[in-house]
Amino acid sequence: MPTEEQRRLLGAFVRARREGLRPDEPGRRRRTPGLRREELAARAGIGVTWCAWIEQGRDVRASADTLSRLARALCLTPAERAYLFELAERHDPDNPTAPDGGEAPASIAALVAALGWPAYGLDPGWTVCAANAAARRLFVGLFDEEGGRPNLLRYVFTAPEARRLLPDWESRACRLLAEFRADYGRHLTDPRARSVIDWLTAHSEAFRQAWERQDVLDREGGLRLFLHPQDGALRFEQHTVQASDRSDFKLVALQPLPPA
């Protein structure tokens, strides 16, 4: 449930955006700027009382559909719309951050290409949307799939090469899935994440067992060990950052460390 401070901020935000809109009949004299609540309610197709309660920070729970119509009526930008749903603690049914295709955001693609360390980008379903040559060499077998695009979860849970590459495979696989669940909680309406879960549920007993444990972890950095078939034992420090222009995508970079 939203806190009192979240409700206050939400109300102030909606009111400010309402007062910043041009009325449908700009020639008429008005005592207040922007739209009246009645006009906003008519635009959004919701009750005037709901508009008043939201602006007053009342302890009410507007549905995701109501917030979606309110966002359209207020002509919010994608960033403003995301802020509205975050304050209301609702998932956006229109998922405006989802791309038309699976291409990496320009910021992630540029950084992946520029880094000499193994680096790659992930979409909300943890499908690899960009990878440099160092990452392609490190993750043996990940980029060998015919058709479709490589997915990090599918690789770890179903590829024989992953079990050989990761000396601590069981703990790494479970941790990876717990990190994915944290992401999934923020993108429940994204079909890319759901399709990966459905596929792995049907094809991996290890995934099914780990998924049922309901473990959740933030994606943190730290030591990552690999046993590469050509390069031997490798150690890296993992760094993960989100793109400011597309917060549903992330960049993962592996900083090489000296041998233990």
C-alpha atoms as a PDB file:
ATOM      1  CA  MET A   1       0.000   0.000   0.000  1.00  0.00           C
ATOM      2  CA  PRO A   2       1.276   3.541  -0.754  1.00  0.00           C
ATOM      3  CA  THR A   3       2.490   5.452   2.276  1.00  0.00           C
ATOM      4  CA  GLU A   4       1.031   8.782   3.372  1.00  0.00           C
ATOM      5  CA  GLU A   5       4.004  10.550   1.778  1.00  0.00           C
ATOM      6  CA  GLN A   6       3.488   8.692  -1.510  1.00  0.00           C
ATOM      7  CA  ARG A   7      -0.192   9.656  -1.547  1.00  0.00           C
ATOM      8  CA  ARG A   8       0.697  13.276  -0.815  1.00  0.00           C
ATOM      9  CA  LEU A   9       3.253  13.355  -3.627  1.00  0.00           C
ATOM     10  CA  LEU A  10       0.834  11.652  -6.011  1.00  0.00           C
ATOM     11  CA  GLY A  11      -1.897  14.174  -5.240  1.00  0.00           C
ATOM     12  CA  ALA A  12       0.440  17.131  -5.664  1.00  0.00           C
ATOM     13  CA  PHE A  13       1.750  15.721  -8.942  1.00  0.00           C
ATOM     14  CA  VAL A  14      -1.707  15.137 -10.443  1.00  0.00           C
ATOM     15  CA  ARG A  15      -2.887  18.582  -9.383  1.00  0.00           C
ATOM     16  CA  ALA A  16       0.198  20.291 -10.830  1.00  0.00           C
ATOM     17  CA  ARG A  17      -0.188  18.496 -14.159  1.00  0.00           C
ATOM     18  CA  ARG A  18      -3.924  19.295 -14.258  1.00  0.00           C
ATOM     19  CA  GLU A  19      -3.267  22.962 -13.632  1.00  0.00           C
ATOM     20  CA  GLY A  20      -0.625  22.962 -16.362  1.00  0.00           C
ATOM     21  CA  LEU A  21      -3.003  21.775 -19.085  1.00  0.00           C
ATOM     22  CA  ARG A  22      -4.786  24.101 -21.471  1.00  0.00           C
ATOM     23  CA  PRO A  23      -8.573  24.035 -21.124  1.00  0.00           C
ATOM     24  CA  ASP A  24     -10.670  22.869 -24.050  1.00  0.00           C
ATOM     25  CA  GLU A  25     -12.217  26.349 -24.217  1.00  0.00           C
ATOM     26  CA  PRO A  26      -9.250  28.668 -23.606  1.00  0.00           C
ATOM     27  CA  GLY A  27     -11.180  31.855 -24.347  1.00  0.00           C
ATOM     28  CA  ARG A  28     -13.292  31.695 -21.206  1.00  0.00           C
ATOM     29  CA  ARG A  29     -12.164  33.552 -18.090  1.00  0.00           C
ATOM     30  CA  ARG A  30     -11.169  31.319 -15.194  1.00  0.00           C
ATOM     31  CA  ARG A  31     -10.361  31.861 -11.560  1.00  0.00           C
ATOM     32  CA  THR A  32      -7.967  28.888 -11.498  1.00  0.00           C
ATOM     33  CA  PRO A  33      -5.263  27.838 -13.994  1.00  0.00           C
ATOM     34  CA  GLY A  34      -5.493  24.826 -16.274  1.00  0.00           C
ATOM     35  CA  LEU A  35      -8.306  22.298 -16.231  1.00  0.00           C
ATOM     36  CA  ARG A  36     -10.974  22.048 -13.594  1.00  0.00           C
ATOM     37  CA  ARG A  37     -11.307  18.705 -11.855  1.00  0.00           C
ATOM     38  CA  GLU A  38     -14.611  18.165 -13.632  1.00  0.00           C
ATOM     39  CA  GLU A  39     -12.904  18.623 -16.994  1.00  0.00           C
ATOM     40  CA  LEU A  40     -10.073  16.247 -16.130  1.00  0.00           C
ATOM     41  CA  ALA A  41     -12.563  13.663 -14.897  1.00  0.00           C
ATOM     42  CA  ALA A  42     -14.511  13.943 -18.151  1.00  0.00           C
ATOM     43  CA  ARG A  43     -11.329  13.554 -20.206  1.00  0.00           C
ATOM     44  CA  ALA A  44     -10.257  10.493 -18.211  1.00  0.00           C
ATOM     45  CA  GLY A  45     -13.731   8.944 -17.995  1.00  0.00           C
ATOM     46  CA  ILE A  46     -13.567   8.681 -14.212  1.00  0.00           C
ATOM     47  CA  GLY A  47     -15.558  10.219 -11.374  1.00  0.00           C
ATOM     48  CA  VAL A  48     -14.889  13.735 -10.124  1.00  0.00           C
ATOM     49  CA  THR A  49     -14.796  12.351  -6.587  1.00  0.00           C
ATOM     50  CA  TRP A  50     -11.928  10.023  -7.524  1.00  0.00           C
ATOM     51  CA  CYS A  51      -9.970  12.972  -8.956  1.00  0.00           C
ATOM     52  CA  ALA A  52     -10.544  14.952  -5.775  1.00  0.00           C
ATOM     53  CA  TRP A  53      -9.560  12.097  -3.479  1.00  0.00           C
ATOM     54  CA  ILE A  54      -6.361  11.390  -5.432  1.00  0.00           C
ATOM     55  CA  GLU A  55      -5.343  15.058  -5.364  1.00  0.00           C
ATOM     56  CA  GLN A  56      -6.148  15.290  -1.655  1.00  0.00           C
ATOM     57  CA  GLY A  57      -3.912  12.311  -0.892  1.00  0.00           C
ATOM     58  CA  ARG A  58      -6.793  10.274   0.507  1.00  0.00           C
ATOM     59  CA  ASP A  59      -6.219   6.641   1.517  1.00  0.00           C
ATOM     60  CA  VAL A  60      -7.743   5.188  -1.657  1.00  0.00           C
ATOM     61  CA  ARG A  61      -6.441   2.657  -4.189  1.00  0.00           C
ATOM     62  CA  ALA A  62      -7.084   3.733  -7.748  1.00  0.00           C
ATOM     63  CA  SER A  63      -6.943   0.784 -10.144  1.00  0.00           C
ATOM     64  CA  ALA A  64      -4.238   0.476 -12.794  1.00  0.00           C
ATOM     65  CA  ASP A  65      -6.893   1.133 -15.454  1.00  0.00           C
ATOM     66  CA  THR A  66      -8.001   4.322 -13.704  1.00  0.00           C
ATOM     67  CA  LEU A  67      -4.412   5.533 -13.459  1.00  0.00           C
ATOM     68  CA  SER A  68      -3.821   4.684 -17.117  1.00  0.00           C
ATOM     69  CA  ARG A  69      -6.799   6.791 -18.213  1.00  0.00           C
ATOM     70  CA  LEU A  70      -5.702   9.578 -15.893  1.00  0.00           C
ATOM     71  CA  ALA A  71      -2.186   9.500 -17.381  1.00  0.00           C
ATOM     72  CA  ARG A  72      -3.567   9.811 -20.917  1.00  0.00           C
ATOM     73  CA  ALA A  73      -5.896  12.643 -19.908  1.00  0.00           C
ATOM     74  CA  LEU A  74      -2.979  14.495 -18.308  1.00  0.00           C
ATOM     75  CA  CYS A  75      -0.843  13.972 -21.454  1.00  0.00           C
ATOM     76  CA  LEU A  76       2.041  12.594 -19.369  1.00  0.00           C
ATOM     77  CA  THR A  77       5.435  11.830 -20.835  1.00  0.00           C
ATOM     78  CA  PRO A  78       6.777   8.260 -20.381  1.00  0.00           C
ATOM     79  CA  ALA A  79       8.897   9.409 -17.419  1.00  0.00           C
ATOM     80  CA  GLU A  80       5.936  11.190 -15.819  1.00  0.00           C
ATOM     81  CA  ARG A  81       3.702   8.186 -16.389  1.00  0.00           C
ATOM     82  CA  ALA A  82       6.235   5.862 -14.751  1.00  0.00           C
ATOM     83  CA  TYR A  83       6.445   8.268 -11.781  1.00  0.00           C
ATOM     84  CA  LEU A  84       2.640   8.244 -11.445  1.00  0.00           C
ATOM     85  CA  PHE A  85       2.487   4.434 -11.313  1.00  0.00           C
ATOM     86  CA  GLU A  86       5.463   4.177  -8.956  1.00  0.00           C
ATOM     87  CA  LEU A  87       3.868   6.563  -6.451  1.00  0.00           C
ATOM     88  CA  ALA A  88       0.593   4.641  -6.660  1.00  0.00           C
ATOM     89  CA  GLU A  89       2.430   1.289  -6.386  1.00  0.00           C
ATOM     90  CA  ARG A  90       0.614  -0.076  -9.412  1.00  0.00           C
ATOM     91  CA  HIS A  91       1.933  -1.906 -12.474  1.00  0.00           C
ATOM     92  CA  ASP A  92       1.388  -0.010 -15.689  1.00  0.00           C
ATOM     93  CA  PRO A  93      -0.896  -2.143 -17.929  1.00  0.00           C
ATOM     94  CA  ASP A  94       0.335  -0.385 -21.053  1.00  0.00           C
ATOM     95  CA  ASN A  95       3.989  -0.933 -20.099  1.00  0.00           C
ATOM     96  CA  PRO A  96       5.159   2.161 -21.993  1.00  0.00           C
ATOM     97  CA  THR A  97       8.851   1.285 -21.532  1.00  0.00           C
ATOM     98  CA  ALA A  98       8.550  -1.930 -23.552  1.00  0.00           C
ATOM     99  CA  PRO A  99      10.235  -1.557 -26.936  1.00  0.00           C
ATOM    100  CA  ASP A 100       8.695  -2.297 -30.299  1.00  0.00           C
ATOM    101  CA  GLY A 101      11.506  -4.769 -30.890  1.00  0.00           C
ATOM    102  CA  GLY A 102      14.301  -6.382 -28.926  1.00  0.00           C
ATOM    103  CA  GLU A 103      17.079  -3.956 -29.761  1.00  0.00           C
ATOM    104  CA  ALA A 104      19.345  -2.670 -27.007  1.00  0.00           C
ATOM    105  CA  PRO A 105      18.974   0.975 -25.979  1.00  0.00           C
ATOM    106  CA  ALA A 106      21.625   3.142 -27.621  1.00  0.00           C
ATOM    107  CA  SER A 107      23.349   3.838 -24.294  1.00  0.00           C
ATOM    108  CA  ILE A 108      23.824   0.136 -23.508  1.00  0.00           C
ATOM    109  CA  ALA A 109      24.870  -0.764 -27.061  1.00  0.00           C
ATOM    110  CA  ALA A 110      27.527   1.980 -27.037  1.00  0.00           C
ATOM    111  CA  LEU A 111      28.987   0.994 -23.661  1.00  0.00           C
ATOM    112  CA  VAL A 112      29.053  -2.716 -24.500  1.00  0.00           C
ATOM    113  CA  ALA A 113      30.941  -1.995 -27.713  1.00  0.00           C
ATOM    114  CA  ALA A 114      33.393   0.365 -25.976  1.00  0.00           C
ATOM    115  CA  LEU A 115      34.365  -1.899 -23.079  1.00  0.00           C
ATOM    116  CA  GLY A 116      37.296  -4.272 -23.377  1.00  0.00           C
ATOM    117  CA  TRP A 117      35.978  -6.402 -20.506  1.00  0.00           C
ATOM    118  CA  PRO A 118      33.251  -8.986 -21.140  1.00  0.00           C
ATOM    119  CA  ALA A 119      30.050  -6.928 -21.285  1.00  0.00           C
ATOM    120  CA  TYR A 120      26.483  -7.561 -22.380  1.00  0.00           C
ATOM    121  CA  GLY A 121      22.990  -6.058 -22.189  1.00  0.00           C
ATOM    122  CA  LEU A 122      19.824  -7.768 -20.913  1.00  0.00           C
ATOM    123  CA  ASP A 123      16.170  -7.028 -21.643  1.00  0.00           C
ATOM    124  CA  PRO A 124      13.379  -7.645 -19.054  1.00  0.00           C
ATOM    125  CA  GLY A 125      13.310 -11.349 -19.938  1.00  0.00           C
ATOM    126  CA  TRP A 126      17.106 -11.499 -19.593  1.00  0.00           C
ATOM    127  CA  THR A 127      17.570 -12.136 -23.281  1.00  0.00           C
ATOM    128  CA  VAL A 128      20.937 -10.817 -24.419  1.00  0.00           C
ATOM    129  CA  CYS A 129      20.344  -7.730 -26.554  1.00  0.00           C
ATOM    130  CA  ALA A 130      24.007  -6.751 -27.003  1.00  0.00           C
ATOM    131  CA  ALA A 131      27.362  -8.433 -26.348  1.00  0.00           C
ATOM    132  CA  ASN A 132      30.965  -7.647 -27.152  1.00  0.00           C
ATOM    133  CA  ALA A 133      33.629 -10.048 -28.401  1.00  0.00           C
ATOM    134  CA  ALA A 134      35.006 -10.678 -24.890  1.00  0.00           C
ATOM    135  CA  ALA A 135      31.570 -11.773 -23.629  1.00  0.00           C
ATOM    136  CA  ARG A 136      31.058 -14.019 -26.644  1.00  0.00           C
ATOM    137  CA  ARG A 137      34.356 -15.749 -25.934  1.00  0.00           C
ATOM    138  CA  LEU A 138      33.679 -16.115 -22.210  1.00  0.00           C
ATOM    139  CA  PHE A 139      30.159 -17.585 -22.356  1.00  0.00           C
ATOM    140  CA  VAL A 140      30.884 -20.764 -24.292  1.00  0.00           C
ATOM    141  CA  GLY A 141      27.775 -22.028 -26.046  1.00  0.00           C
ATOM    142  CA  LEU A 142      25.538 -19.066 -25.200  1.00  0.00           C
ATOM    143  CA  PHE A 143      25.637 -17.625 -28.684  1.00  0.00           C
ATOM    144  CA  ASP A 144      25.489 -20.941 -30.543  1.00  0.00           C
ATOM    145  CA  GLU A 145      21.681 -21.283 -30.503  1.00  0.00           C
ATOM    146  CA  GLU A 146      20.097 -21.433 -33.930  1.00  0.00           C
ATOM    147  CA  GLY A 147      17.148 -19.080 -34.295  1.00  0.00           C
ATOM    148  CA  GLY A 148      15.969 -16.671 -31.672  1.00  0.00           C
ATOM    149  CA  ARG A 149      18.243 -14.735 -29.386  1.00  0.00           C
ATOM    150  CA  PRO A 150      20.456 -16.031 -26.546  1.00  0.00           C
ATOM    151  CA  ASN A 151      18.842 -15.919 -23.114  1.00  0.00           C
ATOM    152  CA  LEU A 152      20.956 -15.966 -19.950  1.00  0.00           C
ATOM    153  CA  LEU A 153      18.479 -17.993 -17.861  1.00  0.00           C
ATOM    154  CA  ARG A 154      17.902 -20.592 -20.579  1.00  0.00           C
ATOM    155  CA  TYR A 155      21.640 -20.938 -20.985  1.00  0.00           C
ATOM    156  CA  VAL A 156      22.433 -21.388 -17.292  1.00  0.00           C
ATOM    157  CA  PHE A 157      19.623 -23.883 -16.642  1.00  0.00           C
ATOM    158  CA  THR A 158      19.709 -25.959 -19.829  1.00  0.00           C
ATOM    159  CA  ALA A 159      23.092 -25.668 -21.603  1.00  0.00           C
ATOM    160  CA  PRO A 160      25.703 -28.349 -20.736  1.00  0.00           C
ATOM    161  CA  GLU A 161      28.420 -25.760 -21.444  1.00  0.00           C
ATOM    162  CA  ALA A 162      27.104 -23.575 -18.605  1.00  0.00           C
ATOM    163  CA  ARG A 163      27.516 -26.345 -16.029  1.00  0.00           C
ATOM    164  CA  ARG A 164      31.113 -26.832 -17.124  1.00  0.00           C
ATOM    165  CA  LEU A 165      31.840 -23.091 -17.294  1.00  0.00           C
ATOM    166  CA  LEU A 166      30.513 -22.276 -13.808  1.00  0.00           C
ATOM    167  CA  PRO A 167      32.415 -24.225 -11.124  1.00  0.00           C
ATOM    168  CA  ASP A 168      29.796 -23.189  -8.541  1.00  0.00           C
ATOM    169  CA  TRP A 169      26.909 -23.880 -10.924  1.00  0.00           C
ATOM    170  CA  GLU A 170      24.185 -24.776  -8.410  1.00  0.00           C
ATOM    171  CA  SER A 171      24.619 -21.711  -6.185  1.00  0.00           C
ATOM    172  CA  ARG A 172      25.120 -19.424  -9.199  1.00  0.00           C
ATOM    173  CA  ALA A 173      22.000 -20.719 -10.948  1.00  0.00           C
ATOM    174  CA  CYS A 174      19.858 -20.303  -7.823  1.00  0.00           C
ATOM    175  CA  ARG A 175      21.196 -16.812  -7.183  1.00  0.00           C
ATOM    176  CA  LEU A 176      20.652 -15.799 -10.797  1.00  0.00           C
ATOM    177  CA  LEU A 177      17.041 -16.926 -10.629  1.00  0.00           C
ATOM    178  CA  ALA A 178      16.458 -15.079  -7.342  1.00  0.00           C
ATOM    179  CA  GLU A 179      17.803 -11.907  -8.986  1.00  0.00           C
ATOM    180  CA  PHE A 180      15.567 -12.479 -11.999  1.00  0.00           C
ATOM    181  CA  ARG A 181      12.518 -12.822  -9.729  1.00  0.00           C
ATOM    182  CA  ALA A 182      13.224  -9.380  -8.277  1.00  0.00           C
ATOM    183  CA  ASP A 183      13.243  -8.007 -11.832  1.00  0.00           C
ATOM    184  CA  TYR A 184      10.119  -9.969 -12.728  1.00  0.00           C
ATOM    185  CA  GLY A 185       8.232  -8.341  -9.855  1.00  0.00           C
ATOM    186  CA  ARG A 186       8.804  -4.988 -11.546  1.00  0.00           C
ATOM    187  CA  HIS A 187       7.773  -6.197 -15.013  1.00  0.00           C
ATOM    188  CA  LEU A 188       4.857  -8.555 -14.392  1.00  0.00           C
ATOM    189  CA  THR A 189       3.016  -7.411 -17.517  1.00  0.00           C
ATOM    190  CA  ASP A 190       6.012  -7.820 -19.832  1.00  0.00           C
ATOM    191  CA  PRO A 191       5.453 -10.859 -22.089  1.00  0.00           C
ATOM    192  CA  ARG A 192       9.194 -11.379 -22.579  1.00  0.00           C
ATOM    193  CA  ALA A 193       9.733 -12.286 -18.937  1.00  0.00           C
ATOM    194  CA  ARG A 194       6.628 -14.486 -18.785  1.00  0.00           C
ATOM    195  CA  SER A 195       7.602 -16.430 -21.901  1.00  0.00           C
ATOM    196  CA  VAL A 196      11.026 -17.292 -20.438  1.00  0.00           C
ATOM    197  CA  ILE A 197       9.417 -18.595 -17.239  1.00  0.00           C
ATOM    198  CA  ASP A 198       6.911 -20.700 -19.189  1.00  0.00           C
ATOM    199  CA  TRP A 199       9.617 -22.200 -21.423  1.00  0.00           C
ATOM    200  CA  LEU A 200      11.953 -23.082 -18.556  1.00  0.00           C
ATOM    201  CA  THR A 201       9.111 -24.521 -16.483  1.00  0.00           C
ATOM    202  CA  ALA A 202       8.443 -26.927 -19.336  1.00  0.00           C
ATOM    203  CA  HIS A 203      12.090 -27.802 -20.031  1.00  0.00           C
ATOM    204  CA  SER A 204      14.078 -27.696 -16.759  1.00  0.00           C
ATOM    205  CA  GLU A 205      13.390 -29.581 -13.544  1.00  0.00           C
ATOM    206  CA  ALA A 206      16.158 -27.606 -11.808  1.00  0.00           C
ATOM    207  CA  PHE A 207      14.415 -24.371 -12.779  1.00  0.00           C
ATOM    208  CA  ARG A 208      11.023 -25.593 -11.554  1.00  0.00           C
ATOM    209  CA  GLN A 209      12.420 -26.544  -8.154  1.00  0.00           C
ATOM    210  CA  ALA A 210      14.331 -23.283  -7.739  1.00  0.00           C
ATOM    211  CA  TRP A 211      11.387 -21.167  -8.949  1.00  0.00           C
ATOM    212  CA  GLU A 212       9.052 -22.770  -6.406  1.00  0.00           C
ATOM    213  CA  ARG A 213      11.365 -21.713  -3.547  1.00  0.00           C
ATOM    214  CA  GLN A 214      10.362 -18.068  -4.146  1.00  0.00           C
ATOM    215  CA  ASP A 215      13.849 -16.684  -3.432  1.00  0.00           C
ATOM    216  CA  VAL A 216      14.318 -12.984  -4.209  1.00  0.00           C
ATOM    217  CA  LEU A 217      17.619 -11.070  -4.336  1.00  0.00           C
ATOM    218  CA  ASP A 218      18.805  -7.761  -5.727  1.00  0.00           C
ATOM    219  CA  ARG A 219      21.302  -8.067  -8.563  1.00  0.00           C
ATOM    220  CA  GLU A 220      24.558  -7.210  -6.831  1.00  0.00           C
ATOM    221  CA  GLY A 221      28.160  -7.170  -7.899  1.00  0.00           C
ATOM    222  CA  GLY A 222      30.834  -9.420  -6.501  1.00  0.00           C
ATOM    223  CA  LEU A 223      33.256 -12.162  -7.349  1.00  0.00           C
ATOM    224  CA  ARG A 224      32.343 -14.389 -10.314  1.00  0.00           C
ATOM    225  CA  LEU A 225      34.343 -17.531 -11.112  1.00  0.00           C
ATOM    226  CA  PHE A 226      34.591 -19.309 -14.467  1.00  0.00           C
ATOM    227  CA  LEU A 227      36.406 -22.409 -15.674  1.00  0.00           C
ATOM    228  CA  HIS A 228      36.923 -21.693 -19.357  1.00  0.00           C
ATOM    229  CA  PRO A 229      37.820 -24.611 -21.689  1.00  0.00           C
ATOM    230  CA  GLN A 230      40.606 -22.595 -23.377  1.00  0.00           C
ATOM    231  CA  ASP A 231      41.522 -19.877 -20.875  1.00  0.00           C
ATOM    232  CA  GLY A 232      41.345 -21.929 -17.677  1.00  0.00           C
ATOM    233  CA  ALA A 233      40.281 -20.519 -14.294  1.00  0.00           C
ATOM    234  CA  LEU A 234      39.076 -16.916 -14.557  1.00  0.00           C
ATOM    235  CA  ARG A 235      37.990 -14.424 -11.896  1.00  0.00           C
ATOM    236  CA  PHE A 236      35.902 -11.285 -12.413  1.00  0.00           C
ATOM    237  CA  GLU A 237      34.207  -8.562 -10.411  1.00  0.00           C
ATOM    238  CA  GLN A 238      30.651  -8.143 -11.721  1.00  0.00           C
ATOM    239  CA  HIS A 239      29.108  -4.683 -12.184  1.00  0.00           C
ATOM    240  CA  THR A 240      25.467  -4.140 -13.175  1.00  0.00           C
ATOM    241  CA  VAL A 241      23.920  -0.795 -14.133  1.00  0.00           C
ATOM    242  CA  GLN A 242      20.556   0.225 -15.573  1.00  0.00           C
ATOM    243  CA  ALA A 243      20.087   2.487 -18.558  1.00  0.00           C
ATOM    244  CA  SER A 244      18.684   5.880 -17.550  1.00  0.00           C
ATOM    245  CA  ASP A 245      16.726   6.093 -20.795  1.00  0.00           C
ATOM    246  CA  ARG A 246      15.323   2.551 -20.473  1.00  0.00           C
ATOM    247  CA  SER A 247      15.232   1.359 -16.869  1.00  0.00           C
ATOM    248  CA  ASP A 248      13.894  -2.077 -17.887  1.00  0.00           C
ATOM    249  CA  PHE A 249      17.240  -2.854 -19.598  1.00  0.00           C
ATOM    250  CA  LYS A 250      20.555  -3.400 -17.828  1.00  0.00           C
ATOM    251  CA  LEU A 251      24.263  -3.535 -18.644  1.00  0.00           C
ATOM    252  CA  VAL A 252      26.436  -6.237 -17.052  1.00  0.00           C
ATOM    253  CA  ALA A 253      30.223  -5.878 -17.154  1.00  0.00           C
ATOM    254  CA  LEU A 254      32.830  -8.300 -15.791  1.00  0.00           C
ATOM    255  CA  GLN A 255      36.048  -6.654 -14.609  1.00  0.00           C
ATOM    256  CA  PRO A 256      38.968  -9.106 -14.843  1.00  0.00           C
ATOM    257  CA  LEU A 257      40.780  -9.894 -11.580  1.00  0.00           C
ATOM    258  CA  PRO A 258      44.243 -11.428 -11.137  1.00  0.00           C
ATOM    259  CA  PRO A 259      44.402 -15.181 -10.465  1.00  0.00           C
ATOM    260  CA  ALA A 260      43.809 -16.251  -6.883  1.00  0.00           C
END
